[in-house]
Amino acid sequence: MSMADDPFQDSGPAAGWSIPDATLPSLATGSRLALPGLTELHVWLLSVDGGAPQQAASPLLNVLDDRERARAGRYRQAEAQARFRLTRAGLRLLLGRYLGCDPDALHFTANPHGTPRLEGIGEDQGLVFNVSHSGCLAVLAFAAARPLGVDLECCRPGRDYRRLARSALTDTEQAAWRA
């Protein structure tokens, strides 16, 4: 396989795509969002640069509850704490827009694996969401009444992405990724 056909090769901005500039303030503004249809998946990419003063000190972080603040405090590094808070605030802001409610009024529970869901809603029922963050980015995915999982990994030089794909993806997913 040549470098040109290698799906594991860096495919960043030089390959013709760009990352949208989604930040907490941009998520907090706008009208109610239409819920995903049964065959739709909504994916948001959020900048969670904890070192950016305008984000790390955002009043929008006030939507977090005490459990989320405590969980953020368990991260050892201040930057990781800020990224968790920004990601969770982004989730709350988007859920509030999807559901037409105040983001700080939302209550979460988790399944036995720790995956969060809205309290009072059965697993994989209603508006389903999943979140992943790595480095200064977070991905937030939303769907209707189906199992949903999303993962985000920063590309690091020297990392064996083929091995990671073999351990994390099904055979079908690996084939699609390589196509």
Protein backbone atom coordinates (compact mmCIF):
# COMPACT_ATOMS: atom_id res chain seq x y z
CA MET A 1 0.00 0.00 0.00
CA SER A 2 1.39 3.38 -0.94
CA MET A 3 1.23 6.46 1.26
CA ALA A 4 -1.43 7.84 -1.11
CA ASP A 5 -3.77 4.90 -0.34
CA ASP A 6 -3.02 4.72 3.36
CA PRO A 7 -6.20 5.51 5.35
CA PHE A 8 -4.07 5.90 8.48
CA GLN A 9 -2.06 8.75 6.98
CA ASP A 10 -2.69 12.24 8.33
CA SER A 11 -5.73 13.67 6.58
CA GLY A 12 -5.94 17.08 8.23
CA PRO A 13 -6.52 20.49 6.70
CA ALA A 14 -3.97 19.88 3.96
CA ALA A 15 -6.24 17.11 2.63
CA GLY A 16 -9.08 19.59 2.05
CA TRP A 17 -11.21 19.55 5.19
CA SER A 18 -11.30 21.90 8.11
CA ILE A 19 -12.53 21.83 11.68
CA PRO A 20 -15.41 24.22 12.37
CA ASP A 21 -14.83 26.82 15.05
CA ALA A 22 -17.45 25.66 17.56
CA THR A 23 -17.00 27.15 21.01
CA LEU A 24 -19.23 27.37 24.08
CA PRO A 25 -20.62 30.82 23.16
CA SER A 26 -21.57 29.58 19.68
CA LEU A 27 -23.44 26.60 21.18
CA ALA A 28 -25.35 28.77 23.64
CA THR A 29 -26.86 30.97 20.96
CA GLY A 30 -29.49 30.15 18.40
CA SER A 31 -32.91 28.64 18.26
CA ARG A 32 -34.10 25.24 19.34
CA LEU A 33 -32.49 22.42 17.39
CA ALA A 34 -34.55 19.83 15.56
CA LEU A 35 -34.18 16.40 17.13
CA PRO A 36 -32.37 13.80 15.02
CA GLY A 37 -34.73 11.64 12.97
CA LEU A 38 -34.70 7.86 13.34
CA THR A 39 -32.15 7.53 10.53
CA GLU A 40 -30.08 10.60 11.43
CA LEU A 41 -26.94 11.17 13.43
CA HIS A 42 -25.97 14.67 14.54
CA VAL A 43 -22.27 15.14 15.28
CA TRP A 44 -20.73 18.30 16.74
CA LEU A 45 -17.03 19.07 16.98
CA LEU A 46 -16.21 21.44 19.82
CA SER A 47 -13.01 23.30 20.60
CA VAL A 48 -12.23 22.71 24.28
CA ASP A 49 -8.94 24.53 24.52
CA GLY A 50 -8.73 24.87 28.29
CA GLY A 51 -5.83 27.27 27.88
CA ALA A 52 -8.02 29.81 26.07
CA PRO A 53 -8.99 32.32 28.79
CA GLN A 54 -12.30 33.24 27.14
CA GLN A 55 -13.40 29.59 27.31
CA ALA A 56 -11.87 28.47 30.60
CA ALA A 57 -13.48 31.39 32.47
CA SER A 58 -16.77 31.37 30.53
CA PRO A 59 -19.89 32.13 32.59
CA LEU A 60 -21.51 29.39 30.50
CA LEU A 61 -19.70 26.90 32.75
CA ASN A 62 -22.28 27.80 35.41
CA VAL A 63 -24.60 25.20 33.82
CA LEU A 64 -22.55 22.42 35.45
CA ASP A 65 -23.90 20.72 38.56
CA ASP A 66 -21.96 19.90 41.72
CA ARG A 67 -21.19 16.32 40.62
CA GLU A 68 -19.70 17.56 37.34
CA ARG A 69 -17.60 20.17 39.12
CA ALA A 70 -16.35 17.51 41.56
CA ARG A 71 -15.54 15.12 38.72
CA ALA A 72 -13.59 17.85 36.91
CA GLY A 73 -11.66 18.47 40.11
CA ARG A 74 -10.45 14.85 40.15
CA TYR A 75 -8.34 15.43 37.02
CA ARG A 76 -4.75 16.10 38.06
CA GLN A 77 -3.92 18.81 35.55
CA ALA A 78 -5.76 22.14 35.38
CA GLU A 79 -5.92 21.92 31.58
CA ALA A 80 -7.65 18.50 31.75
CA GLN A 81 -10.08 19.87 34.34
CA ALA A 82 -10.94 22.79 32.05
CA ARG A 83 -11.40 20.50 29.04
CA PHE A 84 -13.79 18.25 30.95
CA ARG A 85 -15.81 21.26 32.16
CA LEU A 86 -15.95 22.75 28.65
CA THR A 87 -17.02 19.42 27.13
CA ARG A 88 -19.73 18.82 29.71
CA ALA A 89 -20.98 22.41 29.42
CA GLY A 90 -21.13 21.98 25.61
CA LEU A 91 -23.17 18.81 26.09
CA ARG A 92 -25.58 20.59 28.42
CA LEU A 93 -25.94 23.58 26.07
CA LEU A 94 -26.71 21.35 23.08
CA LEU A 95 -29.12 19.14 25.03
CA GLY A 96 -30.91 22.27 26.23
CA ARG A 97 -31.32 23.44 22.64
CA TYR A 98 -32.50 20.03 21.45
CA LEU A 99 -34.98 19.61 24.31
CA GLY A 100 -36.04 23.25 24.67
CA CYS A 101 -35.06 23.48 28.33
CA ASP A 102 -32.54 25.21 30.55
CA PRO A 103 -29.19 23.40 30.35
CA ASP A 104 -28.70 23.58 34.11
CA ALA A 105 -32.07 21.84 34.67
CA LEU A 106 -30.83 18.60 33.10
CA HIS A 107 -30.05 15.62 35.33
CA PHE A 108 -27.87 12.70 34.31
CA THR A 109 -27.44 9.10 35.31
CA ALA A 110 -25.06 6.51 33.90
CA ASN A 111 -25.21 2.91 32.78
CA PRO A 112 -22.98 0.27 34.45
CA HIS A 113 -20.15 1.20 32.05
CA GLY A 114 -20.31 4.88 33.07
CA THR A 115 -21.93 6.13 29.85
CA PRO A 116 -24.13 9.11 30.72
CA ARG A 117 -27.78 9.46 29.76
CA LEU A 118 -30.62 11.72 30.80
CA GLU A 119 -32.17 10.76 34.13
CA GLY A 120 -35.58 9.14 33.79
CA ILE A 121 -34.95 7.98 30.22
CA GLY A 122 -34.18 4.33 29.52
CA GLU A 123 -30.88 3.40 27.93
CA ASP A 124 -30.98 3.88 24.14
CA GLN A 125 -34.40 5.56 24.40
CA GLY A 126 -35.44 9.08 23.41
CA LEU A 127 -32.60 11.48 22.62
CA VAL A 128 -29.41 9.44 22.92
CA PHE A 129 -25.99 11.08 23.13
CA ASN A 130 -22.36 10.17 23.50
CA VAL A 131 -19.26 12.27 24.07
CA SER A 132 -15.52 11.88 23.62
CA HIS A 133 -12.69 14.33 24.06
CA SER A 134 -9.02 14.21 23.26
CA GLY A 135 -6.54 17.04 23.29
CA CYS A 136 -8.29 20.33 22.64
CA LEU A 137 -11.26 18.84 20.78
CA ALA A 138 -14.47 17.12 21.81
CA VAL A 139 -17.00 15.30 19.68
CA LEU A 140 -20.64 15.17 20.76
CA ALA A 141 -23.02 12.84 18.93
CA PHE A 142 -26.83 12.70 19.13
CA ALA A 143 -29.32 10.18 17.74
CA ALA A 144 -32.85 8.95 18.36
CA ALA A 145 -33.54 5.77 20.32
CA ARG A 146 -30.53 3.65 19.33
CA PRO A 147 -27.21 2.54 20.75
CA LEU A 148 -24.60 5.19 20.10
CA GLY A 149 -20.89 5.43 20.69
CA VAL A 150 -18.28 7.90 19.51
CA ASP A 151 -14.55 8.13 20.07
CA LEU A 152 -11.98 10.79 19.37
CA GLU A 153 -8.22 10.34 19.52
CA CYS A 154 -5.52 12.90 18.86
CA CYS A 155 -2.99 11.78 16.28
CA ARG A 156 0.33 11.32 17.98
CA PRO A 157 3.58 10.69 16.10
CA GLY A 158 4.74 7.12 16.40
CA ARG A 159 1.38 5.74 17.51
CA ASP A 160 0.33 2.46 15.87
CA TYR A 161 -3.10 3.38 14.50
CA ARG A 162 -3.51 0.08 12.69
CA ARG A 163 -3.20 -1.75 16.01
CA LEU A 164 -5.62 0.68 17.64
CA ALA A 165 -8.13 0.13 14.83
CA ARG A 166 -7.82 -3.66 15.17
CA SER A 167 -8.56 -3.43 18.89
CA ALA A 168 -11.38 -0.88 18.70
CA LEU A 169 -13.24 -1.51 15.43
CA THR A 170 -15.23 -4.47 14.16
CA ASP A 171 -14.07 -6.18 10.96
CA THR A 172 -16.81 -4.37 9.04
CA GLU A 173 -15.81 -1.00 10.50
CA GLN A 174 -12.16 -1.64 9.67
CA ALA A 175 -13.05 -2.47 6.06
CA ALA A 176 -15.14 0.71 5.76
CA TRP A 177 -12.38 2.79 7.30
CA ARG A 178 -9.82 1.45 4.85
CA ALA A 179 -12.11 1.96 1.83
